Amino acid sequence: MLPSVRHSASLPTVFLSSTLLFVERAFAFGGPLPDSLPGSPDIRATITNMLSLVLNLLGLLAAIVIVIAGVRLIFSMGDETSKETAKKTVLYAIAGLLLILFAKAIITFVQSLG
């Protein structure tokens, strides 16, 4: 991997980790919590919402992996092993995306039952 690409890949990591460190401080300045928090008291709705959130995040992650693999494919510069690795990464990410869509379909079907 080229040094400039390696450096630019580490910049978002540093930015994201530093942003997450300051979130804790931002929440520390809040006032007291209300007596009742918003949300559904139904455990099924809570679990469904959590699963939907996780699947949405996994879908976003799969899309990011596809973009990164595409960039790696572009920067392979004729190296066959790098090119094959990037192609396999794209294939596996698309398979993961299809699995995520299938899981969302199952969740939607179960929600419609009851």
C-alpha atoms as a PDB file:
ATOM      1  CA  MET A   1       0.000   0.000   0.000  1.00  0.00           C
ATOM      2  CA  LEU A   2       1.289   3.450  -0.838  1.00  0.00           C
ATOM      3  CA  PRO A   3       2.420   5.624   2.108  1.00  0.00           C
ATOM      4  CA  SER A   4      -0.002   8.409   1.155  1.00  0.00           C
ATOM      5  CA  VAL A   5      -2.927   5.962   1.045  1.00  0.00           C
ATOM      6  CA  ARG A   6      -1.901   4.473   4.393  1.00  0.00           C
ATOM      7  CA  HIS A   7      -1.683   7.974   5.894  1.00  0.00           C
ATOM      8  CA  SER A   8      -5.062   9.005   4.507  1.00  0.00           C
ATOM      9  CA  ALA A   9      -6.634   5.783   5.815  1.00  0.00           C
ATOM     10  CA  SER A  10      -5.405   6.527   9.327  1.00  0.00           C
ATOM     11  CA  LEU A  11      -6.767  10.093   9.342  1.00  0.00           C
ATOM     12  CA  PRO A  12     -10.452   9.070   9.462  1.00  0.00           C
ATOM     13  CA  THR A  13      -9.635   6.585  12.208  1.00  0.00           C
ATOM     14  CA  VAL A  14      -7.987   9.268  14.326  1.00  0.00           C
ATOM     15  CA  PHE A  15     -10.831  11.709  13.657  1.00  0.00           C
ATOM     16  CA  LEU A  16     -13.532   9.167  14.525  1.00  0.00           C
ATOM     17  CA  SER A  17     -11.830   8.006  17.711  1.00  0.00           C
ATOM     18  CA  SER A  18     -11.218  11.575  18.899  1.00  0.00           C
ATOM     19  CA  THR A  19     -14.848  12.447  18.167  1.00  0.00           C
ATOM     20  CA  LEU A  20     -16.059   9.497  20.198  1.00  0.00           C
ATOM     21  CA  LEU A  21     -13.890  10.549  23.129  1.00  0.00           C
ATOM     22  CA  PHE A  22     -15.594  13.947  23.310  1.00  0.00           C
ATOM     23  CA  VAL A  23     -19.119  12.511  23.246  1.00  0.00           C
ATOM     24  CA  GLU A  24     -18.748  11.411  26.856  1.00  0.00           C
ATOM     25  CA  ARG A  25     -17.849  14.942  27.907  1.00  0.00           C
ATOM     26  CA  ALA A  26     -20.811  16.352  26.007  1.00  0.00           C
ATOM     27  CA  PHE A  27     -23.231  14.073  27.834  1.00  0.00           C
ATOM     28  CA  ALA A  28     -21.649  14.931  31.183  1.00  0.00           C
ATOM     29  CA  PHE A  29     -22.922  18.524  30.956  1.00  0.00           C
ATOM     30  CA  GLY A  30     -26.569  17.528  30.667  1.00  0.00           C
ATOM     31  CA  GLY A  31     -29.138  18.121  33.348  1.00  0.00           C
ATOM     32  CA  PRO A  32     -30.906  15.510  35.438  1.00  0.00           C
ATOM     33  CA  LEU A  33     -32.635  12.641  33.668  1.00  0.00           C
ATOM     34  CA  PRO A  34     -36.436  12.731  33.484  1.00  0.00           C
ATOM     35  CA  ASP A  35     -38.480  10.290  35.541  1.00  0.00           C
ATOM     36  CA  SER A  36     -39.698   8.391  32.502  1.00  0.00           C
ATOM     37  CA  LEU A  37     -37.533   7.894  29.467  1.00  0.00           C
ATOM     38  CA  PRO A  38     -39.205   7.923  26.043  1.00  0.00           C
ATOM     39  CA  GLY A  39     -39.669   4.636  24.297  1.00  0.00           C
ATOM     40  CA  SER A  40     -41.888   1.633  24.185  1.00  0.00           C
ATOM     41  CA  PRO A  41     -42.360  -0.493  27.309  1.00  0.00           C
ATOM     42  CA  ASP A  42     -42.926  -3.515  25.050  1.00  0.00           C
ATOM     43  CA  ILE A  43     -39.846  -5.749  25.020  1.00  0.00           C
ATOM     44  CA  ARG A  44     -40.602  -7.063  21.515  1.00  0.00           C
ATOM     45  CA  ALA A  45     -40.624  -3.551  20.065  1.00  0.00           C
ATOM     46  CA  THR A  46     -37.387  -2.723  21.866  1.00  0.00           C
ATOM     47  CA  ILE A  47     -35.641  -5.844  20.557  1.00  0.00           C
ATOM     48  CA  THR A  48     -36.957  -5.212  17.044  1.00  0.00           C
ATOM     49  CA  ASN A  49     -35.714  -1.622  17.132  1.00  0.00           C
ATOM     50  CA  MET A  50     -32.309  -2.754  18.365  1.00  0.00           C
ATOM     51  CA  LEU A  51     -32.049  -5.412  15.640  1.00  0.00           C
ATOM     52  CA  SER A  52     -33.050  -2.885  12.989  1.00  0.00           C
ATOM     53  CA  LEU A  53     -30.400  -0.474  14.234  1.00  0.00           C
ATOM     54  CA  VAL A  54     -27.713  -3.175  14.198  1.00  0.00           C
ATOM     55  CA  LEU A  55     -28.697  -4.327  10.709  1.00  0.00           C
ATOM     56  CA  ASN A  56     -28.685  -0.750   9.412  1.00  0.00           C
ATOM     57  CA  LEU A  57     -25.203  -0.218  10.825  1.00  0.00           C
ATOM     58  CA  LEU A  58     -24.022  -3.500   9.305  1.00  0.00           C
ATOM     59  CA  GLY A  59     -25.443  -2.441   5.938  1.00  0.00           C
ATOM     60  CA  LEU A  60     -23.550   0.827   6.173  1.00  0.00           C
ATOM     61  CA  LEU A  61     -20.395  -1.075   7.105  1.00  0.00           C
ATOM     62  CA  ALA A  62     -20.842  -3.411   4.123  1.00  0.00           C
ATOM     63  CA  ALA A  63     -21.194  -0.419   1.802  1.00  0.00           C
ATOM     64  CA  ILE A  64     -18.027   1.117   3.242  1.00  0.00           C
ATOM     65  CA  VAL A  65     -16.167  -2.179   2.771  1.00  0.00           C
ATOM     66  CA  ILE A  66     -17.285  -2.293  -0.867  1.00  0.00           C
ATOM     67  CA  VAL A  67     -15.956   1.233  -1.430  1.00  0.00           C
ATOM     68  CA  ILE A  68     -12.648   0.422   0.302  1.00  0.00           C
ATOM     69  CA  ALA A  69     -12.270  -2.764  -1.736  1.00  0.00           C
ATOM     70  CA  GLY A  70     -12.961  -0.770  -4.894  1.00  0.00           C
ATOM     71  CA  VAL A  71     -10.245   1.698  -3.971  1.00  0.00           C
ATOM     72  CA  ARG A  72      -7.868  -1.197  -3.272  1.00  0.00           C
ATOM     73  CA  LEU A  73      -8.758  -2.643  -6.670  1.00  0.00           C
ATOM     74  CA  ILE A  74      -7.920   0.659  -8.330  1.00  0.00           C
ATOM     75  CA  PHE A  75      -4.613   0.975  -6.462  1.00  0.00           C
ATOM     76  CA  SER A  76      -3.557  -2.631  -7.071  1.00  0.00           C
ATOM     77  CA  MET A  77      -1.454  -1.354  -9.999  1.00  0.00           C
ATOM     78  CA  GLY A  78      -1.487  -4.625 -11.896  1.00  0.00           C
ATOM     79  CA  ASP A  79      -0.575  -6.822  -8.927  1.00  0.00           C
ATOM     80  CA  GLU A  80      -2.670  -9.943  -9.454  1.00  0.00           C
ATOM     81  CA  THR A  81      -2.793 -11.001  -5.783  1.00  0.00           C
ATOM     82  CA  SER A  82      -3.998  -7.565  -4.670  1.00  0.00           C
ATOM     83  CA  LYS A  83      -6.542  -7.519  -7.466  1.00  0.00           C
ATOM     84  CA  GLU A  84      -7.888 -10.971  -6.536  1.00  0.00           C
ATOM     85  CA  THR A  85      -8.030 -10.041  -2.839  1.00  0.00           C
ATOM     86  CA  ALA A  86     -10.011  -6.894  -3.639  1.00  0.00           C
ATOM     87  CA  LYS A  87     -12.397  -8.837  -5.892  1.00  0.00           C
ATOM     88  CA  LYS A  88     -12.989 -11.420  -3.152  1.00  0.00           C
ATOM     89  CA  THR A  89     -13.590  -8.637  -0.634  1.00  0.00           C
ATOM     90  CA  VAL A  90     -16.221  -7.070  -2.891  1.00  0.00           C
ATOM     91  CA  LEU A  91     -17.846 -10.470  -3.416  1.00  0.00           C
ATOM     92  CA  TYR A  92     -17.955 -11.230   0.320  1.00  0.00           C
ATOM     93  CA  ALA A  93     -19.270  -7.749   1.138  1.00  0.00           C
ATOM     94  CA  ILE A  94     -22.070  -8.135  -1.409  1.00  0.00           C
ATOM     95  CA  ALA A  95     -22.894 -11.559   0.046  1.00  0.00           C
ATOM     96  CA  GLY A  96     -22.997  -9.981   3.503  1.00  0.00           C
ATOM     97  CA  LEU A  97     -25.245  -7.220   2.220  1.00  0.00           C
ATOM     98  CA  LEU A  98     -27.635  -9.798   0.782  1.00  0.00           C
ATOM     99  CA  LEU A  99     -27.626 -11.635   4.117  1.00  0.00           C
ATOM    100  CA  ILE A 100     -28.444  -8.379   5.919  1.00  0.00           C
ATOM    101  CA  LEU A 101     -31.334  -7.700   3.530  1.00  0.00           C
ATOM    102  CA  PHE A 102     -32.618 -11.235   4.108  1.00  0.00           C
ATOM    103  CA  ALA A 103     -32.452 -10.700   7.889  1.00  0.00           C
ATOM    104  CA  LYS A 104     -34.384  -7.429   7.538  1.00  0.00           C
ATOM    105  CA  ALA A 105     -37.025  -9.275   5.505  1.00  0.00           C
ATOM    106  CA  ILE A 106     -37.353 -11.889   8.258  1.00  0.00           C
ATOM    107  CA  ILE A 107     -37.729  -9.170  10.905  1.00  0.00           C
ATOM    108  CA  THR A 108     -40.396  -7.420   8.821  1.00  0.00           C
ATOM    109  CA  PHE A 109     -42.254 -10.703   8.364  1.00  0.00           C
ATOM    110  CA  VAL A 110     -42.159 -11.487  12.092  1.00  0.00           C
ATOM    111  CA  GLN A 111     -43.393  -7.966  12.887  1.00  0.00           C
ATOM    112  CA  SER A 112     -46.335  -8.411  10.549  1.00  0.00           C
ATOM    113  CA  LEU A 113     -47.379 -11.583  12.389  1.00  0.00           C
ATOM    114  CA  GLY A 114     -48.029 -10.025  15.635  1.00  0.00           C
END
